[in-house]
């Protein structure tokens, strides 16, 4: 499960779209309540693009997780 630390809406959206991020991490001392609400909203509305380059990148990560090597 890819997680992402986000402090802006671009990162929250792109993390889901490009990296299939499904866990949103927010810094309590960095992100205020209103920004947190906005980040969660953007995160929830985003969808993984399924683009070939993004799928290939995720496959490489899975290989590393499974075998410790990337081919």
PDB file of N, CA and C in Angstrom:
ATOM      1  N   UNK A   1       0.833  -1.175   0.000  1.00  0.00           N
ATOM      2  CA  UNK A   1       0.000   0.000   0.000  1.00  0.00           C
ATOM      3  C   UNK A   1       0.877   1.238   0.000  1.00  0.00           C
ATOM      4  N   UNK A   2       0.873   1.974  -1.096  1.00  0.00           N
ATOM      5  CA  UNK A   2       1.676   3.194  -1.113  1.00  0.00           C
ATOM      6  C   UNK A   2       1.032   4.310  -0.287  1.00  0.00           C
ATOM      7  N   UNK A   3       1.823   4.916   0.550  1.00  0.00           N
ATOM      8  CA  UNK A   3       1.375   6.051   1.353  1.00  0.00           C
ATOM      9  C   UNK A   3       2.129   7.286   0.899  1.00  0.00           C
ATOM     10  N   UNK A   4       1.526   8.446   1.098  1.00  0.00           N
ATOM     11  CA  UNK A   4       2.195   9.680   0.709  1.00  0.00           C
ATOM     12  C   UNK A   4       1.971  10.782   1.721  1.00  0.00           C
ATOM     13  N   UNK A   5       3.047  11.461   2.073  1.00  0.00           N
ATOM     14  CA  UNK A   5       2.975  12.628   2.946  1.00  0.00           C
ATOM     15  C   UNK A   5       2.686  13.831   2.061  1.00  0.00           C
ATOM     16  N   UNK A   6       1.568  14.500   2.299  1.00  0.00           N
ATOM     17  CA  UNK A   6       1.149  15.602   1.433  1.00  0.00           C
ATOM     18  C   UNK A   6       0.904  16.874   2.238  1.00  0.00           C
ATOM     19  N   UNK A   7       1.396  17.971   1.682  1.00  0.00           N
ATOM     20  CA  UNK A   7       1.181  19.283   2.289  1.00  0.00           C
ATOM     21  C   UNK A   7       0.492  20.232   1.329  1.00  0.00           C
ATOM     22  N   UNK A   8       0.170  19.729   0.109  1.00  0.00           N
ATOM     23  CA  UNK A   8      -0.499  20.551  -0.885  1.00  0.00           C
ATOM     24  C   UNK A   8      -1.413  19.680  -1.737  1.00  0.00           C
ATOM     25  N   UNK A   9      -2.368  20.304  -2.405  1.00  0.00           N
ATOM     26  CA  UNK A   9      -3.354  19.559  -3.174  1.00  0.00           C
ATOM     27  C   UNK A   9      -2.733  18.864  -4.381  1.00  0.00           C
ATOM     28  N   UNK A  10      -1.718  19.460  -4.982  1.00  0.00           N
ATOM     29  CA  UNK A  10      -1.065  18.835  -6.132  1.00  0.00           C
ATOM     30  C   UNK A  10      -0.497  17.469  -5.745  1.00  0.00           C
ATOM     31  N   UNK A  11       0.214  17.412  -4.651  1.00  0.00           N
ATOM     32  CA  UNK A  11       0.810  16.146  -4.202  1.00  0.00           C
ATOM     33  C   UNK A  11      -0.266  15.117  -3.860  1.00  0.00           C
ATOM     34  N   UNK A  12      -1.342  15.546  -3.243  1.00  0.00           N
ATOM     35  CA  UNK A  12      -2.416  14.629  -2.877  1.00  0.00           C
ATOM     36  C   UNK A  12      -3.058  14.029  -4.126  1.00  0.00           C
ATOM     37  N   UNK A  13      -3.273  14.852  -5.129  1.00  0.00           N
ATOM     38  CA  UNK A  13      -3.900  14.391  -6.371  1.00  0.00           C
ATOM     39  C   UNK A  13      -2.940  13.533  -7.186  1.00  0.00           C
ATOM     40  N   UNK A  14      -1.745  14.020  -7.414  1.00  0.00           N
ATOM     41  CA  UNK A  14      -0.770  13.299  -8.242  1.00  0.00           C
ATOM     42  C   UNK A  14      -0.335  11.980  -7.609  1.00  0.00           C
ATOM     43  N   UNK A  15      -0.265  11.937  -6.299  1.00  0.00           N
ATOM     44  CA  UNK A  15       0.113  10.697  -5.629  1.00  0.00           C
ATOM     45  C   UNK A  15      -0.856   9.567  -5.942  1.00  0.00           C
ATOM     46  N   UNK A  16      -2.124   9.903  -5.991  1.00  0.00           N
ATOM     47  CA  UNK A  16      -3.130   8.895  -6.337  1.00  0.00           C
ATOM     48  C   UNK A  16      -3.074   8.598  -7.833  1.00  0.00           C
ATOM     49  N   UNK A  17      -3.070   9.649  -8.649  1.00  0.00           N
ATOM     50  CA  UNK A  17      -3.121   9.488 -10.099  1.00  0.00           C
ATOM     51  C   UNK A  17      -1.920   8.724 -10.662  1.00  0.00           C
ATOM     52  N   UNK A  18      -0.732   9.019 -10.177  1.00  0.00           N
ATOM     53  CA  UNK A  18       0.488   8.450 -10.761  1.00  0.00           C
ATOM     54  C   UNK A  18       1.055   7.267  -9.987  1.00  0.00           C
ATOM     55  N   UNK A  19       0.846   7.237  -8.678  1.00  0.00           N
ATOM     56  CA  UNK A  19       1.498   6.210  -7.855  1.00  0.00           C
ATOM     57  C   UNK A  19       0.510   5.292  -7.136  1.00  0.00           C
ATOM     58  N   UNK A  20      -0.764   5.418  -7.431  1.00  0.00           N
ATOM     59  CA  UNK A  20      -1.810   4.605  -6.805  1.00  0.00           C
ATOM     60  C   UNK A  20      -1.772   4.713  -5.273  1.00  0.00           C
ATOM     61  N   UNK A  21      -1.397   5.884  -4.781  1.00  0.00           N
ATOM     62  CA  UNK A  21      -1.339   6.118  -3.343  1.00  0.00           C
ATOM     63  C   UNK A  21      -2.723   5.897  -2.741  1.00  0.00           C
ATOM     64  N   UNK A  22      -2.787   5.111  -1.674  1.00  0.00           N
ATOM     65  CA  UNK A  22      -4.086   4.873  -1.049  1.00  0.00           C
ATOM     66  C   UNK A  22      -4.089   5.175   0.445  1.00  0.00           C
ATOM     67  N   UNK A  23      -3.016   5.789   0.910  1.00  0.00           N
ATOM     68  CA  UNK A  23      -2.933   6.242   2.297  1.00  0.00           C
ATOM     69  C   UNK A  23      -2.411   7.676   2.280  1.00  0.00           C
ATOM     70  N   UNK A  24      -3.166   8.574   2.837  1.00  0.00           N
ATOM     71  CA  UNK A  24      -2.802   9.986   2.887  1.00  0.00           C
ATOM     72  C   UNK A  24      -2.253  10.303   4.273  1.00  0.00           C
ATOM     73  N   UNK A  25      -1.030  10.808   4.321  1.00  0.00           N
ATOM     74  CA  UNK A  25      -0.396  11.186   5.593  1.00  0.00           C
ATOM     75  C   UNK A  25      -0.303  12.704   5.660  1.00  0.00           C
ATOM     76  N   UNK A  26      -0.689  13.269   6.786  1.00  0.00           N
ATOM     77  CA  UNK A  26      -0.665  14.718   6.978  1.00  0.00           C
ATOM     78  C   UNK A  26       0.113  15.051   8.238  1.00  0.00           C
ATOM     79  N   UNK A  27       0.964  16.052   8.148  1.00  0.00           N
ATOM     80  CA  UNK A  27       1.725  16.488   9.308  1.00  0.00           C
ATOM     81  C   UNK A  27       0.884  17.381  10.202  1.00  0.00           C
ATOM     82  N   UNK A  28       0.668  16.984  11.437  1.00  0.00           N
ATOM     83  CA  UNK A  28      -0.203  17.719  12.348  1.00  0.00           C
ATOM     84  C   UNK A  28       0.309  19.123  12.645  1.00  0.00           C
ATOM     85  N   UNK A  29       1.609  19.295  12.641  1.00  0.00           N
ATOM     86  CA  UNK A  29       2.161  20.614  12.954  1.00  0.00           C
ATOM     87  C   UNK A  29       2.337  21.479  11.720  1.00  0.00           C
ATOM     88  N   UNK A  30       2.110  20.907  10.560  1.00  0.00           N
ATOM     89  CA  UNK A  30       2.331  21.627   9.299  1.00  0.00           C
ATOM     90  C   UNK A  30       1.015  21.965   8.611  1.00  0.00           C
ATOM     91  N   UNK A  31       0.049  21.065   8.704  1.00  0.00           N
ATOM     92  CA  UNK A  31      -1.221  21.208   7.993  1.00  0.00           C
ATOM     93  C   UNK A  31      -2.322  21.601   8.972  1.00  0.00           C
ATOM     94  N   UNK A  32      -2.943  22.742   8.699  1.00  0.00           N
ATOM     95  CA  UNK A  32      -4.061  23.189   9.522  1.00  0.00           C
ATOM     96  C   UNK A  32      -5.343  22.457   9.168  1.00  0.00           C
ATOM     97  N   UNK A  33      -6.383  22.716   9.936  1.00  0.00           N
ATOM     98  CA  UNK A  33      -7.647  22.011   9.781  1.00  0.00           C
ATOM     99  C   UNK A  33      -8.260  22.241   8.397  1.00  0.00           C
ATOM    100  N   UNK A  34      -8.324  23.457   7.941  1.00  0.00           N
ATOM    101  CA  UNK A  34      -8.957  23.752   6.641  1.00  0.00           C
ATOM    102  C   UNK A  34      -8.176  23.125   5.491  1.00  0.00           C
ATOM    103  N   UNK A  35      -6.855  23.214   5.538  1.00  0.00           N
ATOM    104  CA  UNK A  35      -6.044  22.586   4.491  1.00  0.00           C
ATOM    105  C   UNK A  35      -6.206  21.072   4.546  1.00  0.00           C
ATOM    106  N   UNK A  36      -6.266  20.508   5.730  1.00  0.00           N
ATOM    107  CA  UNK A  36      -6.457  19.058   5.869  1.00  0.00           C
ATOM    108  C   UNK A  36      -7.763  18.625   5.206  1.00  0.00           C
ATOM    109  N   UNK A  37      -8.832  19.381   5.417  1.00  0.00           N
ATOM    110  CA  UNK A  37     -10.111  19.062   4.793  1.00  0.00           C
ATOM    111  C   UNK A  37      -9.999  19.099   3.270  1.00  0.00           C
ATOM    112  N   UNK A  38      -9.301  20.109   2.763  1.00  0.00           N
ATOM    113  CA  UNK A  38      -9.122  20.247   1.317  1.00  0.00           C
ATOM    114  C   UNK A  38      -8.286  19.088   0.755  1.00  0.00           C
ATOM    115  N   UNK A  39      -7.220  18.723   1.461  1.00  0.00           N
ATOM    116  CA  UNK A  39      -6.369  17.624   1.010  1.00  0.00           C
ATOM    117  C   UNK A  39      -7.128  16.301   0.986  1.00  0.00           C
ATOM    118  N   UNK A  40      -7.905  16.040   2.006  1.00  0.00           N
ATOM    119  CA  UNK A  40      -8.704  14.808   2.050  1.00  0.00           C
ATOM    120  C   UNK A  40      -9.713  14.793   0.909  1.00  0.00           C
ATOM    121  N   UNK A  41     -10.342  15.909   0.646  1.00  0.00           N
ATOM    122  CA  UNK A  41     -11.317  15.995  -0.447  1.00  0.00           C
ATOM    123  C   UNK A  41     -10.669  15.705  -1.796  1.00  0.00           C
ATOM    124  N   UNK A  42      -9.519  16.306  -2.055  1.00  0.00           N
ATOM    125  CA  UNK A  42      -8.799  16.084  -3.315  1.00  0.00           C
ATOM    126  C   UNK A  42      -8.353  14.624  -3.409  1.00  0.00           C
ATOM    127  N   UNK A  43      -7.836  14.091  -2.326  1.00  0.00           N
ATOM    128  CA  UNK A  43      -7.372  12.700  -2.284  1.00  0.00           C
ATOM    129  C   UNK A  43      -8.510  11.730  -2.601  1.00  0.00           C
ATOM    130  N   UNK A  44      -9.661  11.938  -2.004  1.00  0.00           N
ATOM    131  CA  UNK A  44     -10.803  11.045  -2.193  1.00  0.00           C
ATOM    132  C   UNK A  44     -11.337  11.101  -3.630  1.00  0.00           C
ATOM    133  N   UNK A  45     -11.315  12.270  -4.236  1.00  0.00           N
ATOM    134  CA  UNK A  45     -11.839  12.424  -5.600  1.00  0.00           C
ATOM    135  C   UNK A  45     -10.874  11.926  -6.672  1.00  0.00           C
ATOM    136  N   UNK A  46      -9.600  11.795  -6.357  1.00  0.00           N
ATOM    137  CA  UNK A  46      -8.602  11.391  -7.354  1.00  0.00           C
ATOM    138  C   UNK A  46      -8.717   9.903  -7.659  1.00  0.00           C
ATOM    139  N   UNK A  47      -8.260   9.537  -8.871  1.00  0.00           N
ATOM    140  CA  UNK A  47      -8.282   8.129  -9.298  1.00  0.00           C
ATOM    141  C   UNK A  47      -6.978   7.803 -10.015  1.00  0.00           C
ATOM    142  N   UNK A  48      -6.513   6.590  -9.832  1.00  0.00           N
ATOM    143  CA  UNK A  48      -5.300   6.133 -10.505  1.00  0.00           C
ATOM    144  C   UNK A  48      -5.520   6.178 -12.013  1.00  0.00           C
ATOM    145  N   UNK A  49      -4.555   6.717 -12.745  1.00  0.00           N
ATOM    146  CA  UNK A  49      -4.702   6.910 -14.186  1.00  0.00           C
ATOM    147  C   UNK A  49      -4.625   5.609 -14.973  1.00  0.00           C
ATOM    148  N   UNK A  50      -3.845   4.658 -14.489  1.00  0.00           N
ATOM    149  CA  UNK A  50      -3.666   3.409 -15.220  1.00  0.00           C
ATOM    150  C   UNK A  50      -2.758   3.547 -16.432  1.00  0.00           C
ATOM    151  N   UNK A  51      -2.098   4.694 -16.575  1.00  0.00           N
ATOM    152  CA  UNK A  51      -1.183   4.900 -17.703  1.00  0.00           C
ATOM    153  C   UNK A  51      -0.051   3.871 -17.658  1.00  0.00           C
ATOM    154  N   UNK A  52       0.382   3.440 -18.830  1.00  0.00           N
ATOM    155  CA  UNK A  52       1.412   2.401 -18.925  1.00  0.00           C
ATOM    156  C   UNK A  52       2.647   2.716 -18.089  1.00  0.00           C
ATOM    157  N   UNK A  53       3.132   3.951 -18.172  1.00  0.00           N
ATOM    158  CA  UNK A  53       4.361   4.298 -17.441  1.00  0.00           C
ATOM    159  C   UNK A  53       4.161   4.208 -15.936  1.00  0.00           C
ATOM    160  N   UNK A  54       2.967   4.535 -15.463  1.00  0.00           N
ATOM    161  CA  UNK A  54       2.687   4.452 -14.032  1.00  0.00           C
ATOM    162  C   UNK A  54       2.544   3.000 -13.586  1.00  0.00           C
ATOM    163  N   UNK A  55       1.938   2.177 -14.416  1.00  0.00           N
ATOM    164  CA  UNK A  55       1.802   0.753 -14.097  1.00  0.00           C
ATOM    165  C   UNK A  55       3.179   0.096 -14.065  1.00  0.00           C
ATOM    166  N   UNK A  56       4.035   0.435 -15.027  1.00  0.00           N
ATOM    167  CA  UNK A  56       5.403  -0.123 -15.039  1.00  0.00           C
ATOM    168  C   UNK A  56       6.159   0.259 -13.778  1.00  0.00           C
ATOM    169  N   UNK A  57       6.026   1.509 -13.347  1.00  0.00           N
ATOM    170  CA  UNK A  57       6.712   1.973 -12.134  1.00  0.00           C
ATOM    171  C   UNK A  57       6.235   1.181 -10.918  1.00  0.00           C
ATOM    172  N   UNK A  58       4.933   0.973 -10.806  1.00  0.00           N
ATOM    173  CA  UNK A  58       4.394   0.220  -9.683  1.00  0.00           C
ATOM    174  C   UNK A  58       4.833  -1.242  -9.723  1.00  0.00           C
ATOM    175  N   UNK A  59       4.927  -1.807 -10.925  1.00  0.00           N
ATOM    176  CA  UNK A  59       5.417  -3.181 -11.054  1.00  0.00           C
ATOM    177  C   UNK A  59       6.852  -3.299 -10.548  1.00  0.00           C
ATOM    178  N   UNK A  60       7.676  -2.298 -10.825  1.00  0.00           N
ATOM    179  CA  UNK A  60       9.061  -2.299 -10.332  1.00  0.00           C
ATOM    180  C   UNK A  60       9.098  -2.241  -8.808  1.00  0.00           C
ATOM    181  N   UNK A  61       8.240  -1.452  -8.224  1.00  0.00           N
ATOM    182  CA  UNK A  61       8.181  -1.356  -6.764  1.00  0.00           C
ATOM    183  C   UNK A  61       7.758  -2.702  -6.175  1.00  0.00           C
ATOM    184  N   UNK A  62       6.752  -3.326  -6.792  1.00  0.00           N
ATOM    185  CA  UNK A  62       6.299  -4.641  -6.305  1.00  0.00           C
ATOM    186  C   UNK A  62       7.416  -5.681  -6.405  1.00  0.00           C
ATOM    187  N   UNK A  63       8.187  -5.638  -7.492  1.00  0.00           N
ATOM    188  CA  UNK A  63       9.329  -6.554  -7.641  1.00  0.00           C
ATOM    189  C   UNK A  63      10.324  -6.360  -6.507  1.00  0.00           C
ATOM    190  N   UNK A  64      10.628  -5.117  -6.206  1.00  0.00           N
ATOM    191  CA  UNK A  64      11.551  -4.817  -5.115  1.00  0.00           C
ATOM    192  C   UNK A  64      11.018  -5.325  -3.785  1.00  0.00           C
ATOM    193  N   UNK A  65       9.733  -5.147  -3.559  1.00  0.00           N
ATOM    194  CA  UNK A  65       9.131  -5.613  -2.309  1.00  0.00           C
ATOM    195  C   UNK A  65       9.171  -7.135  -2.215  1.00  0.00           C
ATOM    196  N   UNK A  66       8.920  -7.808  -3.328  1.00  0.00           N
ATOM    197  CA  UNK A  66       8.839  -9.279  -3.326  1.00  0.00           C
ATOM    198  C   UNK A  66      10.193  -9.962  -3.324  1.00  0.00           C
ATOM    199  N   UNK A  67      11.154  -9.408  -4.074  1.00  0.00           N
ATOM    200  CA  UNK A  67      12.420 -10.108  -4.274  1.00  0.00           C
ATOM    201  C   UNK A  67      13.640  -9.345  -3.777  1.00  0.00           C
ATOM    202  N   UNK A  68      13.497  -8.072  -3.551  1.00  0.00           N
ATOM    203  CA  UNK A  68      14.641  -7.249  -3.184  1.00  0.00           C
ATOM    204  C   UNK A  68      15.464  -6.836  -4.391  1.00  0.00           C
ATOM    205  N   UNK A  69      15.014  -7.247  -5.597  1.00  0.00           N
ATOM    206  CA  UNK A  69      15.712  -6.897  -6.839  1.00  0.00           C
ATOM    207  C   UNK A  69      14.715  -6.328  -7.849  1.00  0.00           C
ATOM    208  N   UNK A  70      15.232  -5.492  -8.721  1.00  0.00           N
ATOM    209  CA  UNK A  70      14.393  -4.944  -9.785  1.00  0.00           C
ATOM    210  C   UNK A  70      15.062  -5.237 -11.125  1.00  0.00           C
ATOM    211  N   UNK A  71      14.325  -5.853 -12.019  1.00  0.00           N
ATOM    212  CA  UNK A  71      14.883  -6.189 -13.338  1.00  0.00           C
ATOM    213  C   UNK A  71      14.428  -5.221 -14.383  1.00  0.00           C
TER     214      UNK A  71
END
